[in-house]
Amino acid sequence: MRTNEVLARLEAAVIALGDIDVSAWPDDTLKEQLGELSAALVALDASLSRIADGVRARGLRIEEPVPA
């Protein structure tokens, strides 16, 4: 996959995740989905850590963008 495609997919994922507001979910729904949500969050954390570690392994820093 080309770099531009990867970055576009990553940006789309960030946008999709930004649309999630579990505070708006009813308690019953959150409890029903908690196992699946937890698995997704753990997998996402592992993927982001792997990518960040790969960047750092090349001697680069991951920095938070400064707001314009």
C-alpha atoms as a PDB file:
ATOM      1  CA  MET A   1       0.000   0.000   0.000  1.00  0.00           C
ATOM      2  CA  ARG A   2       1.292   3.439  -0.876  1.00  0.00           C
ATOM      3  CA  THR A   3       2.215   5.924   1.845  1.00  0.00           C
ATOM      4  CA  ASN A   4      -0.519   8.388   0.840  1.00  0.00           C
ATOM      5  CA  GLU A   5      -3.133   5.624   1.071  1.00  0.00           C
ATOM      6  CA  VAL A   6      -1.894   4.562   4.490  1.00  0.00           C
ATOM      7  CA  LEU A   7      -1.997   8.113   5.818  1.00  0.00           C
ATOM      8  CA  ALA A   8      -5.471   8.688   4.345  1.00  0.00           C
ATOM      9  CA  ARG A   9      -6.737   5.515   6.017  1.00  0.00           C
ATOM     10  CA  LEU A  10      -5.140   6.529   9.310  1.00  0.00           C
ATOM     11  CA  GLU A  11      -6.751   9.960   9.116  1.00  0.00           C
ATOM     12  CA  ALA A  12     -10.136   8.355   8.347  1.00  0.00           C
ATOM     13  CA  ALA A  13      -9.722   6.127  11.400  1.00  0.00           C
ATOM     14  CA  VAL A  14      -8.937   9.142  13.585  1.00  0.00           C
ATOM     15  CA  ILE A  15     -12.068  10.891  12.301  1.00  0.00           C
ATOM     16  CA  ALA A  16     -14.180   7.791  12.920  1.00  0.00           C
ATOM     17  CA  LEU A  17     -12.818   7.435  16.444  1.00  0.00           C
ATOM     18  CA  GLY A  18     -13.522  11.110  17.093  1.00  0.00           C
ATOM     19  CA  ASP A  19     -17.202  10.438  16.402  1.00  0.00           C
ATOM     20  CA  ILE A  20     -17.443   7.921  19.255  1.00  0.00           C
ATOM     21  CA  ASP A  21     -18.927   9.266  22.472  1.00  0.00           C
ATOM     22  CA  VAL A  22     -19.472   6.467  24.963  1.00  0.00           C
ATOM     23  CA  SER A  23     -20.849   8.982  27.479  1.00  0.00           C
ATOM     24  CA  ALA A  24     -23.937   9.144  25.255  1.00  0.00           C
ATOM     25  CA  TRP A  25     -24.404   5.364  25.282  1.00  0.00           C
ATOM     26  CA  PRO A  26     -26.990   3.969  27.692  1.00  0.00           C
ATOM     27  CA  ASP A  27     -25.406   1.972  30.526  1.00  0.00           C
ATOM     28  CA  ASP A  28     -26.973  -1.267  29.283  1.00  0.00           C
ATOM     29  CA  THR A  29     -25.496  -0.758  25.818  1.00  0.00           C
ATOM     30  CA  LEU A  30     -22.056   0.009  27.210  1.00  0.00           C
ATOM     31  CA  LYS A  31     -22.172  -3.051  29.454  1.00  0.00           C
ATOM     32  CA  GLU A  32     -23.272  -5.247  26.515  1.00  0.00           C
ATOM     33  CA  GLN A  33     -20.505  -3.912  24.266  1.00  0.00           C
ATOM     34  CA  LEU A  34     -17.767  -3.630  26.899  1.00  0.00           C
ATOM     35  CA  GLY A  35     -15.973  -6.856  25.946  1.00  0.00           C
ATOM     36  CA  GLU A  36     -15.884  -5.974  22.261  1.00  0.00           C
ATOM     37  CA  LEU A  37     -14.972  -2.351  22.983  1.00  0.00           C
ATOM     38  CA  SER A  38     -12.178  -3.429  25.328  1.00  0.00           C
ATOM     39  CA  ALA A  39     -10.749  -5.826  22.726  1.00  0.00           C
ATOM     40  CA  ALA A  40     -10.833  -3.098  20.073  1.00  0.00           C
ATOM     41  CA  LEU A  41      -9.132  -0.579  22.376  1.00  0.00           C
ATOM     42  CA  VAL A  42      -6.397  -3.046  23.350  1.00  0.00           C
ATOM     43  CA  ALA A  43      -5.777  -3.915  19.682  1.00  0.00           C
ATOM     44  CA  LEU A  44      -5.707  -0.223  18.752  1.00  0.00           C
ATOM     45  CA  ASP A  45      -3.263   0.525  21.563  1.00  0.00           C
ATOM     46  CA  ALA A  46      -0.987  -2.309  20.436  1.00  0.00           C
ATOM     47  CA  SER A  47      -1.045  -1.108  16.823  1.00  0.00           C
ATOM     48  CA  LEU A  48      -0.328   2.499  17.732  1.00  0.00           C
ATOM     49  CA  SER A  49       2.494   1.438  20.043  1.00  0.00           C
ATOM     50  CA  ARG A  50       4.018  -0.727  17.304  1.00  0.00           C
ATOM     51  CA  ILE A  51       3.924   2.156  14.826  1.00  0.00           C
ATOM     52  CA  ALA A  52       5.338   4.634  17.361  1.00  0.00           C
ATOM     53  CA  ASP A  53       8.093   2.190  18.314  1.00  0.00           C
ATOM     54  CA  GLY A  54       8.994   1.831  14.633  1.00  0.00           C
ATOM     55  CA  VAL A  55       9.300   5.593  14.280  1.00  0.00           C
ATOM     56  CA  ARG A  56      11.410   5.876  17.434  1.00  0.00           C
ATOM     57  CA  ALA A  57      13.607   2.950  16.343  1.00  0.00           C
ATOM     58  CA  ARG A  58      14.638   5.074  13.376  1.00  0.00           C
ATOM     59  CA  GLY A  59      15.816   7.817  15.720  1.00  0.00           C
ATOM     60  CA  LEU A  60      12.846  10.130  15.208  1.00  0.00           C
ATOM     61  CA  ARG A  61      10.558  11.712  17.772  1.00  0.00           C
ATOM     62  CA  ILE A  62       6.815  11.727  17.778  1.00  0.00           C
ATOM     63  CA  GLU A  63       5.687  15.218  18.666  1.00  0.00           C
ATOM     64  CA  GLU A  64       2.281  16.649  19.316  1.00  0.00           C
ATOM     65  CA  PRO A  65       1.450  19.242  16.646  1.00  0.00           C
ATOM     66  CA  VAL A  66       1.384  22.835  17.819  1.00  0.00           C
ATOM     67  CA  PRO A  67      -2.044  24.409  17.227  1.00  0.00           C
ATOM     68  CA  ALA A  68      -2.044  27.135  14.595  1.00  0.00           C
END
